[in-house]
């Protein structure tokens, strides 16, 4: 195992492997195709081999989710991406989040056989989808722990089963049924301490809610993940969070509650910087 002298690794890594989605959900930036169009670009296999090799070399064993603003099943080498991650990181929690529209029973089986821990299906159309996907999974010998259905078909008034936010200032509040835009949260956020988000071009973003991509921390093609995660840019952001100084994009316009998870990582990073 390689020596690592940086701060605590992210507990969650979100990898958006596809620049394409077949839906335009109101709570997603692809709802506005002019500002957020589909692009036929996908996370390169060779770059993923590099990233997985680096993280595996450091013994990374937390969670990676193939998820984001694109539909991961449109990536033609998705099983290969999964297999590479599993080979390099045997103990990692490896998830894939899909809208399920192009998911077939045979595909479910091949994803799990490739090394995926769970398939998380976001149900947007109605309760009838539970029976459909449960039957598909059972038909190929998969359990409800391996294929998880998530309710997302609730009405606007019920927030679609989600906590709605303005996603770094890009969301249309009126379209989402919120006449008065929510005020940005004037408090610290834990996301930069425990969560990392990567797009299909290998850009490492500040957090998964920065849909406009105001702050790109680095690129995995040119840099190492350890270097980006422990960079001076991330240090400056974290120090601002310690001081509750969020007067920079995307944080100054964000309405997300960033304190639901990650407090222990916030504290560990404070100790890490104090020890230097």
C-alpha atoms as a PDB file:
ATOM      1  CA  UNK A   1       0.000   0.000   0.000  1.00  0.00           C
ATOM      2  CA  UNK A   2       1.263   3.470  -0.897  1.00  0.00           C
ATOM      3  CA  UNK A   3       2.156   5.963   1.815  1.00  0.00           C
ATOM      4  CA  UNK A   4      -0.439   8.709   2.273  1.00  0.00           C
ATOM      5  CA  UNK A   5       0.181  11.783   4.412  1.00  0.00           C
ATOM      6  CA  UNK A   6      -2.859  13.854   3.452  1.00  0.00           C
ATOM      7  CA  UNK A   7      -6.086  14.508   5.301  1.00  0.00           C
ATOM      8  CA  UNK A   8      -9.035  12.097   5.599  1.00  0.00           C
ATOM      9  CA  UNK A   9     -10.179  10.677   2.287  1.00  0.00           C
ATOM     10  CA  UNK A  10     -13.693  11.478   1.095  1.00  0.00           C
ATOM     11  CA  UNK A  11     -16.272   9.043   2.357  1.00  0.00           C
ATOM     12  CA  UNK A  12     -18.366   9.411  -0.787  1.00  0.00           C
ATOM     13  CA  UNK A  13     -17.159   9.730  -4.364  1.00  0.00           C
ATOM     14  CA  UNK A  14     -19.727  10.511  -7.050  1.00  0.00           C
ATOM     15  CA  UNK A  15     -18.598   9.806 -10.611  1.00  0.00           C
ATOM     16  CA  UNK A  16     -20.779  11.136 -13.428  1.00  0.00           C
ATOM     17  CA  UNK A  17     -19.713   8.807 -16.229  1.00  0.00           C
ATOM     18  CA  UNK A  18     -22.163  10.008 -18.884  1.00  0.00           C
ATOM     19  CA  UNK A  19     -22.900  13.333 -20.543  1.00  0.00           C
ATOM     20  CA  UNK A  20     -26.245  12.006 -21.753  1.00  0.00           C
ATOM     21  CA  UNK A  21     -29.628  11.459 -20.135  1.00  0.00           C
ATOM     22  CA  UNK A  22     -32.938  10.523 -21.742  1.00  0.00           C
ATOM     23  CA  UNK A  23     -34.986  12.512 -19.232  1.00  0.00           C
ATOM     24  CA  UNK A  24     -35.320  16.193 -18.378  1.00  0.00           C
ATOM     25  CA  UNK A  25     -36.513  16.142 -14.768  1.00  0.00           C
ATOM     26  CA  UNK A  26     -37.468  19.484 -13.265  1.00  0.00           C
ATOM     27  CA  UNK A  27     -35.038  19.032 -10.365  1.00  0.00           C
ATOM     28  CA  UNK A  28     -32.102  18.343 -12.715  1.00  0.00           C
ATOM     29  CA  UNK A  29     -30.078  20.880 -14.744  1.00  0.00           C
ATOM     30  CA  UNK A  30     -30.913  18.940 -17.913  1.00  0.00           C
ATOM     31  CA  UNK A  31     -34.439  20.313 -17.571  1.00  0.00           C
ATOM     32  CA  UNK A  32     -32.957  23.396 -19.275  1.00  0.00           C
ATOM     33  CA  UNK A  33     -31.446  21.912 -22.423  1.00  0.00           C
ATOM     34  CA  UNK A  34     -30.181  25.297 -23.644  1.00  0.00           C
ATOM     35  CA  UNK A  35     -27.925  25.828 -20.642  1.00  0.00           C
ATOM     36  CA  UNK A  36     -27.281  22.143 -19.907  1.00  0.00           C
ATOM     37  CA  UNK A  37     -27.485  20.148 -23.159  1.00  0.00           C
ATOM     38  CA  UNK A  38     -26.761  16.479 -23.608  1.00  0.00           C
ATOM     39  CA  UNK A  39     -23.253  15.850 -24.897  1.00  0.00           C
ATOM     40  CA  UNK A  40     -22.133  12.476 -26.187  1.00  0.00           C
ATOM     41  CA  UNK A  41     -19.107  12.240 -23.953  1.00  0.00           C
ATOM     42  CA  UNK A  42     -18.318   9.488 -21.481  1.00  0.00           C
ATOM     43  CA  UNK A  43     -15.746   8.897 -18.774  1.00  0.00           C
ATOM     44  CA  UNK A  44     -12.691   7.339 -20.488  1.00  0.00           C
ATOM     45  CA  UNK A  45     -11.830   3.798 -19.436  1.00  0.00           C
ATOM     46  CA  UNK A  46      -8.101   4.490 -19.338  1.00  0.00           C
ATOM     47  CA  UNK A  47      -8.614   7.464 -17.029  1.00  0.00           C
ATOM     48  CA  UNK A  48     -10.809   5.363 -14.750  1.00  0.00           C
ATOM     49  CA  UNK A  49      -8.080   2.721 -14.619  1.00  0.00           C
ATOM     50  CA  UNK A  50      -5.656   5.447 -13.499  1.00  0.00           C
ATOM     51  CA  UNK A  51      -8.038   6.795 -10.846  1.00  0.00           C
ATOM     52  CA  UNK A  52      -8.980   3.343  -9.528  1.00  0.00           C
ATOM     53  CA  UNK A  53      -5.339   2.298  -9.395  1.00  0.00           C
ATOM     54  CA  UNK A  54      -4.428   5.365  -7.375  1.00  0.00           C
ATOM     55  CA  UNK A  55      -7.298   5.023  -4.897  1.00  0.00           C
ATOM     56  CA  UNK A  56      -6.781   1.277  -4.612  1.00  0.00           C
ATOM     57  CA  UNK A  57      -3.099   1.844  -3.940  1.00  0.00           C
ATOM     58  CA  UNK A  58      -4.058   3.977  -0.957  1.00  0.00           C
ATOM     59  CA  UNK A  59      -6.472   1.328   0.296  1.00  0.00           C
ATOM     60  CA  UNK A  60      -9.613   3.359  -0.370  1.00  0.00           C
ATOM     61  CA  UNK A  61     -12.591   1.392   0.979  1.00  0.00           C
ATOM     62  CA  UNK A  62     -15.503   3.801   1.380  1.00  0.00           C
ATOM     63  CA  UNK A  63     -18.212   4.456  -1.245  1.00  0.00           C
ATOM     64  CA  UNK A  64     -18.195   5.196  -4.966  1.00  0.00           C
ATOM     65  CA  UNK A  65     -21.431   5.901  -6.836  1.00  0.00           C
ATOM     66  CA  UNK A  66     -21.766   6.055 -10.603  1.00  0.00           C
ATOM     67  CA  UNK A  67     -24.275   8.872 -10.599  1.00  0.00           C
ATOM     68  CA  UNK A  68     -24.823  12.502 -11.526  1.00  0.00           C
ATOM     69  CA  UNK A  69     -26.639  14.513 -14.165  1.00  0.00           C
ATOM     70  CA  UNK A  70     -26.169  11.823 -16.812  1.00  0.00           C
ATOM     71  CA  UNK A  71     -27.611   8.312 -17.046  1.00  0.00           C
ATOM     72  CA  UNK A  72     -24.725   5.901 -16.324  1.00  0.00           C
ATOM     73  CA  UNK A  73     -26.260   3.036 -18.289  1.00  0.00           C
ATOM     74  CA  UNK A  74     -25.589   4.918 -21.526  1.00  0.00           C
ATOM     75  CA  UNK A  75     -21.879   4.289 -20.935  1.00  0.00           C
ATOM     76  CA  UNK A  76     -21.159   1.312 -23.192  1.00  0.00           C
ATOM     77  CA  UNK A  77     -18.301   0.133 -20.972  1.00  0.00           C
ATOM     78  CA  UNK A  78     -20.075   0.506 -17.647  1.00  0.00           C
ATOM     79  CA  UNK A  79     -19.431  -3.116 -16.629  1.00  0.00           C
ATOM     80  CA  UNK A  80     -15.759  -2.619 -17.381  1.00  0.00           C
ATOM     81  CA  UNK A  81     -15.645   0.498 -15.196  1.00  0.00           C
ATOM     82  CA  UNK A  82     -17.238  -1.495 -12.390  1.00  0.00           C
ATOM     83  CA  UNK A  83     -14.866  -4.431 -12.812  1.00  0.00           C
ATOM     84  CA  UNK A  84     -11.818  -2.158 -12.748  1.00  0.00           C
ATOM     85  CA  UNK A  85     -12.998  -0.462  -9.557  1.00  0.00           C
ATOM     86  CA  UNK A  86     -13.739  -3.786  -7.881  1.00  0.00           C
ATOM     87  CA  UNK A  87     -10.367  -5.249  -8.847  1.00  0.00           C
ATOM     88  CA  UNK A  88      -8.456  -2.248  -7.501  1.00  0.00           C
ATOM     89  CA  UNK A  89     -10.673  -1.648  -4.446  1.00  0.00           C
ATOM     90  CA  UNK A  90     -12.042  -5.009  -3.260  1.00  0.00           C
ATOM     91  CA  UNK A  91     -13.746  -3.613  -0.142  1.00  0.00           C
ATOM     92  CA  UNK A  92     -15.307  -0.472  -1.620  1.00  0.00           C
ATOM     93  CA  UNK A  93     -19.086   0.085  -1.592  1.00  0.00           C
ATOM     94  CA  UNK A  94     -19.842   0.389  -5.305  1.00  0.00           C
ATOM     95  CA  UNK A  95     -23.256   1.736  -6.320  1.00  0.00           C
ATOM     96  CA  UNK A  96     -24.943   2.799  -9.541  1.00  0.00           C
ATOM     97  CA  UNK A  97     -27.912   5.182  -9.579  1.00  0.00           C
ATOM     98  CA  UNK A  98     -30.214   4.961 -12.598  1.00  0.00           C
ATOM     99  CA  UNK A  99     -33.646   6.103 -13.732  1.00  0.00           C
ATOM    100  CA  UNK A 100     -34.210   2.513 -14.868  1.00  0.00           C
ATOM    101  CA  UNK A 101     -35.634   3.413 -18.277  1.00  0.00           C
ATOM    102  CA  UNK A 102     -33.200   1.283 -20.278  1.00  0.00           C
ATOM    103  CA  UNK A 103     -32.488  -1.228 -17.518  1.00  0.00           C
ATOM    104  CA  UNK A 104     -33.261  -4.854 -18.335  1.00  0.00           C
ATOM    105  CA  UNK A 105     -33.055  -7.941 -16.141  1.00  0.00           C
ATOM    106  CA  UNK A 106     -30.028  -9.251 -18.012  1.00  0.00           C
ATOM    107  CA  UNK A 107     -28.289  -5.909 -17.488  1.00  0.00           C
ATOM    108  CA  UNK A 108     -29.035  -6.036 -13.763  1.00  0.00           C
ATOM    109  CA  UNK A 109     -27.310  -9.384 -13.566  1.00  0.00           C
ATOM    110  CA  UNK A 110     -24.276  -8.294 -15.582  1.00  0.00           C
ATOM    111  CA  UNK A 111     -23.788  -5.160 -13.454  1.00  0.00           C
ATOM    112  CA  UNK A 112     -23.802  -7.155 -10.225  1.00  0.00           C
ATOM    113  CA  UNK A 113     -21.615  -9.874 -11.711  1.00  0.00           C
ATOM    114  CA  UNK A 114     -19.107  -7.205 -12.745  1.00  0.00           C
ATOM    115  CA  UNK A 115     -18.697  -6.253  -9.093  1.00  0.00           C
ATOM    116  CA  UNK A 116     -21.405  -3.696  -8.340  1.00  0.00           C
ATOM    117  CA  UNK A 117     -22.688  -3.681  -4.761  1.00  0.00           C
ATOM    118  CA  UNK A 118     -26.106  -2.152  -5.452  1.00  0.00           C
ATOM    119  CA  UNK A 119     -28.278  -0.846  -8.264  1.00  0.00           C
ATOM    120  CA  UNK A 120     -30.294   2.114  -6.970  1.00  0.00           C
ATOM    121  CA  UNK A 121     -33.310   2.825  -9.177  1.00  0.00           C
ATOM    122  CA  UNK A 122     -35.001   6.218  -8.898  1.00  0.00           C
ATOM    123  CA  UNK A 123     -38.706   5.672  -9.553  1.00  0.00           C
ATOM    124  CA  UNK A 124     -40.197   8.721 -11.277  1.00  0.00           C
ATOM    125  CA  UNK A 125     -43.366   7.357 -12.878  1.00  0.00           C
ATOM    126  CA  UNK A 126     -45.440   5.752 -10.139  1.00  0.00           C
ATOM    127  CA  UNK A 127     -45.896   2.945  -7.592  1.00  0.00           C
ATOM    128  CA  UNK A 128     -46.363   0.357 -10.348  1.00  0.00           C
ATOM    129  CA  UNK A 129     -42.622   0.487 -10.986  1.00  0.00           C
ATOM    130  CA  UNK A 130     -41.874  -1.309  -7.710  1.00  0.00           C
ATOM    131  CA  UNK A 131     -43.472  -4.528  -8.912  1.00  0.00           C
ATOM    132  CA  UNK A 132     -41.815  -4.264 -12.318  1.00  0.00           C
ATOM    133  CA  UNK A 133     -38.263  -3.924 -11.033  1.00  0.00           C
ATOM    134  CA  UNK A 134     -38.730  -6.336  -8.133  1.00  0.00           C
ATOM    135  CA  UNK A 135     -39.869  -8.998 -10.602  1.00  0.00           C
ATOM    136  CA  UNK A 136     -36.967  -8.293 -12.944  1.00  0.00           C
ATOM    137  CA  UNK A 137     -34.462  -8.606 -10.105  1.00  0.00           C
ATOM    138  CA  UNK A 138     -35.990 -11.779  -8.710  1.00  0.00           C
ATOM    139  CA  UNK A 139     -36.002 -13.295 -12.182  1.00  0.00           C
ATOM    140  CA  UNK A 140     -32.212 -13.148 -12.352  1.00  0.00           C
ATOM    141  CA  UNK A 141     -31.610 -14.151  -8.736  1.00  0.00           C
ATOM    142  CA  UNK A 142     -31.009 -10.713  -7.229  1.00  0.00           C
ATOM    143  CA  UNK A 143     -32.293  -9.500  -3.873  1.00  0.00           C
ATOM    144  CA  UNK A 144     -33.870  -6.221  -2.765  1.00  0.00           C
ATOM    145  CA  UNK A 145     -30.588  -5.413  -1.067  1.00  0.00           C
ATOM    146  CA  UNK A 146     -28.865  -5.592  -4.452  1.00  0.00           C
ATOM    147  CA  UNK A 147     -31.583  -3.791  -6.422  1.00  0.00           C
ATOM    148  CA  UNK A 148     -33.037  -0.912  -4.411  1.00  0.00           C
ATOM    149  CA  UNK A 149     -36.053   1.101  -5.573  1.00  0.00           C
ATOM    150  CA  UNK A 150     -36.181   4.730  -4.430  1.00  0.00           C
ATOM    151  CA  UNK A 151     -39.437   6.716  -4.464  1.00  0.00           C
ATOM    152  CA  UNK A 152     -39.143   9.835  -6.613  1.00  0.00           C
ATOM    153  CA  UNK A 153     -42.656   9.964  -8.119  1.00  0.00           C
ATOM    154  CA  UNK A 154     -44.269  12.213  -5.519  1.00  0.00           C
ATOM    155  CA  UNK A 155     -45.873  15.496  -6.584  1.00  0.00           C
ATOM    156  CA  UNK A 156     -44.240  18.922  -6.523  1.00  0.00           C
ATOM    157  CA  UNK A 157     -46.035  19.675  -3.276  1.00  0.00           C
ATOM    158  CA  UNK A 158     -44.254  16.710  -1.728  1.00  0.00           C
ATOM    159  CA  UNK A 159     -40.881  17.707  -3.209  1.00  0.00           C
ATOM    160  CA  UNK A 160     -40.754  14.583  -5.414  1.00  0.00           C
ATOM    161  CA  UNK A 161     -39.532  12.674  -2.354  1.00  0.00           C
ATOM    162  CA  UNK A 162     -36.433  14.899  -2.282  1.00  0.00           C
ATOM    163  CA  UNK A 163     -35.165  17.916  -0.425  1.00  0.00           C
ATOM    164  CA  UNK A 164     -35.377  20.540  -3.160  1.00  0.00           C
ATOM    165  CA  UNK A 165     -32.610  23.115  -3.404  1.00  0.00           C
ATOM    166  CA  UNK A 166     -31.405  25.582  -6.000  1.00  0.00           C
ATOM    167  CA  UNK A 167     -28.325  23.466  -6.788  1.00  0.00           C
ATOM    168  CA  UNK A 168     -25.718  26.183  -6.587  1.00  0.00           C
ATOM    169  CA  UNK A 169     -28.057  28.806  -8.073  1.00  0.00           C
ATOM    170  CA  UNK A 170     -28.973  27.036 -11.319  1.00  0.00           C
ATOM    171  CA  UNK A 171     -32.451  25.707 -10.467  1.00  0.00           C
ATOM    172  CA  UNK A 172     -35.634  27.510 -11.530  1.00  0.00           C
ATOM    173  CA  UNK A 173     -37.504  27.980  -8.267  1.00  0.00           C
ATOM    174  CA  UNK A 174     -40.825  28.913  -9.875  1.00  0.00           C
ATOM    175  CA  UNK A 175     -40.814  25.870 -12.158  1.00  0.00           C
ATOM    176  CA  UNK A 176     -40.246  23.706  -9.101  1.00  0.00           C
ATOM    177  CA  UNK A 177     -43.306  25.192  -7.415  1.00  0.00           C
ATOM    178  CA  UNK A 178     -41.441  27.591  -5.122  1.00  0.00           C
ATOM    179  CA  UNK A 179     -42.726  31.135  -5.743  1.00  0.00           C
ATOM    180  CA  UNK A 180     -40.233  32.684  -3.357  1.00  0.00           C
ATOM    181  CA  UNK A 181     -36.624  31.589  -3.827  1.00  0.00           C
ATOM    182  CA  UNK A 182     -35.181  30.120  -0.625  1.00  0.00           C
ATOM    183  CA  UNK A 183     -32.466  32.102   1.055  1.00  0.00           C
ATOM    184  CA  UNK A 184     -28.900  30.760   0.872  1.00  0.00           C
ATOM    185  CA  UNK A 185     -27.890  29.003   4.080  1.00  0.00           C
ATOM    186  CA  UNK A 186     -25.514  31.220   6.014  1.00  0.00           C
ATOM    187  CA  UNK A 187     -23.658  28.504   7.833  1.00  0.00           C
ATOM    188  CA  UNK A 188     -20.774  26.162   7.267  1.00  0.00           C
ATOM    189  CA  UNK A 189     -21.055  23.116   5.027  1.00  0.00           C
ATOM    190  CA  UNK A 190     -19.459  19.706   5.485  1.00  0.00           C
ATOM    191  CA  UNK A 191     -19.447  18.612   1.829  1.00  0.00           C
ATOM    192  CA  UNK A 192     -15.836  19.723   1.069  1.00  0.00           C
ATOM    193  CA  UNK A 193     -14.638  17.547   3.932  1.00  0.00           C
ATOM    194  CA  UNK A 194     -16.222  14.195   3.069  1.00  0.00           C
ATOM    195  CA  UNK A 195     -17.635  14.252  -0.477  1.00  0.00           C
ATOM    196  CA  UNK A 196     -15.982  14.458  -3.885  1.00  0.00           C
ATOM    197  CA  UNK A 197     -17.676  14.761  -7.250  1.00  0.00           C
ATOM    198  CA  UNK A 198     -16.148  14.034 -10.661  1.00  0.00           C
ATOM    199  CA  UNK A 199     -17.686  14.691 -14.075  1.00  0.00           C
ATOM    200  CA  UNK A 200     -17.322  12.667 -17.284  1.00  0.00           C
ATOM    201  CA  UNK A 201     -14.345  14.781 -18.364  1.00  0.00           C
ATOM    202  CA  UNK A 202     -12.403  14.017 -15.208  1.00  0.00           C
ATOM    203  CA  UNK A 203     -13.028  17.413 -13.623  1.00  0.00           C
ATOM    204  CA  UNK A 204     -13.146  17.326  -9.829  1.00  0.00           C
ATOM    205  CA  UNK A 205     -15.848  19.696  -8.590  1.00  0.00           C
ATOM    206  CA  UNK A 206     -16.147  21.329  -5.200  1.00  0.00           C
ATOM    207  CA  UNK A 207     -19.330  19.425  -4.421  1.00  0.00           C
ATOM    208  CA  UNK A 208     -22.184  17.521  -6.106  1.00  0.00           C
ATOM    209  CA  UNK A 209     -24.497  20.535  -5.852  1.00  0.00           C
ATOM    210  CA  UNK A 210     -22.289  22.795  -7.972  1.00  0.00           C
ATOM    211  CA  UNK A 211     -24.230  22.094 -11.157  1.00  0.00           C
ATOM    212  CA  UNK A 212     -23.065  25.319 -12.895  1.00  0.00           C
ATOM    213  CA  UNK A 213     -19.482  24.139 -12.201  1.00  0.00           C
ATOM    214  CA  UNK A 214     -18.449  27.456 -10.695  1.00  0.00           C
ATOM    215  CA  UNK A 215     -15.438  25.910  -8.983  1.00  0.00           C
ATOM    216  CA  UNK A 216     -13.456  23.127 -10.658  1.00  0.00           C
ATOM    217  CA  UNK A 217     -10.734  22.026  -8.246  1.00  0.00           C
ATOM    218  CA  UNK A 218      -8.650  20.105 -10.760  1.00  0.00           C
ATOM    219  CA  UNK A 219      -8.639  17.469 -13.473  1.00  0.00           C
ATOM    220  CA  UNK A 220      -7.723  13.826 -12.981  1.00  0.00           C
ATOM    221  CA  UNK A 221      -6.112  13.562 -16.391  1.00  0.00           C
ATOM    222  CA  UNK A 222      -3.378  16.006 -15.379  1.00  0.00           C
ATOM    223  CA  UNK A 223      -3.333  15.555 -11.594  1.00  0.00           C
ATOM    224  CA  UNK A 224      -3.553  12.861  -8.947  1.00  0.00           C
ATOM    225  CA  UNK A 225      -6.641  12.541  -6.784  1.00  0.00           C
ATOM    226  CA  UNK A 226      -4.525  12.851  -3.656  1.00  0.00           C
ATOM    227  CA  UNK A 227      -3.047  16.074  -4.994  1.00  0.00           C
ATOM    228  CA  UNK A 228      -6.438  17.565  -5.819  1.00  0.00           C
ATOM    229  CA  UNK A 229      -8.115  16.485  -2.563  1.00  0.00           C
ATOM    230  CA  UNK A 230      -5.255  17.957  -0.525  1.00  0.00           C
ATOM    231  CA  UNK A 231      -4.656  20.975  -2.778  1.00  0.00           C
ATOM    232  CA  UNK A 232      -4.256  24.584  -1.692  1.00  0.00           C
ATOM    233  CA  UNK A 233      -7.596  25.349  -3.334  1.00  0.00           C
ATOM    234  CA  UNK A 234      -9.381  22.778  -1.173  1.00  0.00           C
ATOM    235  CA  UNK A 235      -7.505  24.027   1.868  1.00  0.00           C
ATOM    236  CA  UNK A 236      -8.695  27.583   1.235  1.00  0.00           C
ATOM    237  CA  UNK A 237     -12.281  26.392   0.807  1.00  0.00           C
ATOM    238  CA  UNK A 238     -12.154  24.356   4.008  1.00  0.00           C
ATOM    239  CA  UNK A 239     -10.642  27.255   5.940  1.00  0.00           C
ATOM    240  CA  UNK A 240     -13.481  29.440   4.722  1.00  0.00           C
ATOM    241  CA  UNK A 241     -15.918  26.830   5.985  1.00  0.00           C
ATOM    242  CA  UNK A 242     -14.214  26.816   9.383  1.00  0.00           C
ATOM    243  CA  UNK A 243     -14.735  30.597   9.469  1.00  0.00           C
ATOM    244  CA  UNK A 244     -18.315  30.355   8.106  1.00  0.00           C
ATOM    245  CA  UNK A 245     -17.235  32.524   5.179  1.00  0.00           C
ATOM    246  CA  UNK A 246     -19.373  31.416   2.233  1.00  0.00           C
ATOM    247  CA  UNK A 247     -19.156  34.582   0.141  1.00  0.00           C
ATOM    248  CA  UNK A 248     -17.858  32.780  -2.940  1.00  0.00           C
ATOM    249  CA  UNK A 249     -19.440  30.750  -5.715  1.00  0.00           C
ATOM    250  CA  UNK A 250     -21.082  28.299  -5.616  1.00  0.00           C
ATOM    251  CA  UNK A 251     -21.599  28.543  -1.851  1.00  0.00           C
ATOM    252  CA  UNK A 252     -22.937  32.107  -1.728  1.00  0.00           C
ATOM    253  CA  UNK A 253     -26.041  31.127  -3.731  1.00  0.00           C
ATOM    254  CA  UNK A 254     -26.552  27.595  -2.400  1.00  0.00           C
ATOM    255  CA  UNK A 255     -29.584  26.567  -0.323  1.00  0.00           C
ATOM    256  CA  UNK A 256     -28.502  23.000   0.449  1.00  0.00           C
ATOM    257  CA  UNK A 257     -28.324  21.891   4.069  1.00  0.00           C
ATOM    258  CA  UNK A 258     -24.682  20.874   4.186  1.00  0.00           C
ATOM    259  CA  UNK A 259     -24.732  19.668   7.779  1.00  0.00           C
ATOM    260  CA  UNK A 260     -26.831  16.529   7.447  1.00  0.00           C
ATOM    261  CA  UNK A 261     -23.730  14.363   7.202  1.00  0.00           C
ATOM    262  CA  UNK A 262     -19.962  14.664   7.476  1.00  0.00           C
ATOM    263  CA  UNK A 263     -19.420  16.396  10.825  1.00  0.00           C
ATOM    264  CA  UNK A 264     -16.771  13.910  11.923  1.00  0.00           C
ATOM    265  CA  UNK A 265     -14.788  14.616   8.741  1.00  0.00           C
ATOM    266  CA  UNK A 266     -15.086  18.359   9.349  1.00  0.00           C
ATOM    267  CA  UNK A 267     -13.552  17.804  12.787  1.00  0.00           C
ATOM    268  CA  UNK A 268     -10.853  15.451  11.469  1.00  0.00           C
ATOM    269  CA  UNK A 269      -9.772  17.973   8.848  1.00  0.00           C
ATOM    270  CA  UNK A 270      -9.573  20.676  11.520  1.00  0.00           C
ATOM    271  CA  UNK A 271      -7.238  18.432  13.518  1.00  0.00           C
ATOM    272  CA  UNK A 272      -5.219  17.624  10.391  1.00  0.00           C
ATOM    273  CA  UNK A 273      -4.579  21.274   9.566  1.00  0.00           C
ATOM    274  CA  UNK A 274      -3.879  22.137  13.206  1.00  0.00           C
ATOM    275  CA  UNK A 275      -1.214  19.428  13.362  1.00  0.00           C
ATOM    276  CA  UNK A 276       0.786  20.876  10.495  1.00  0.00           C
END
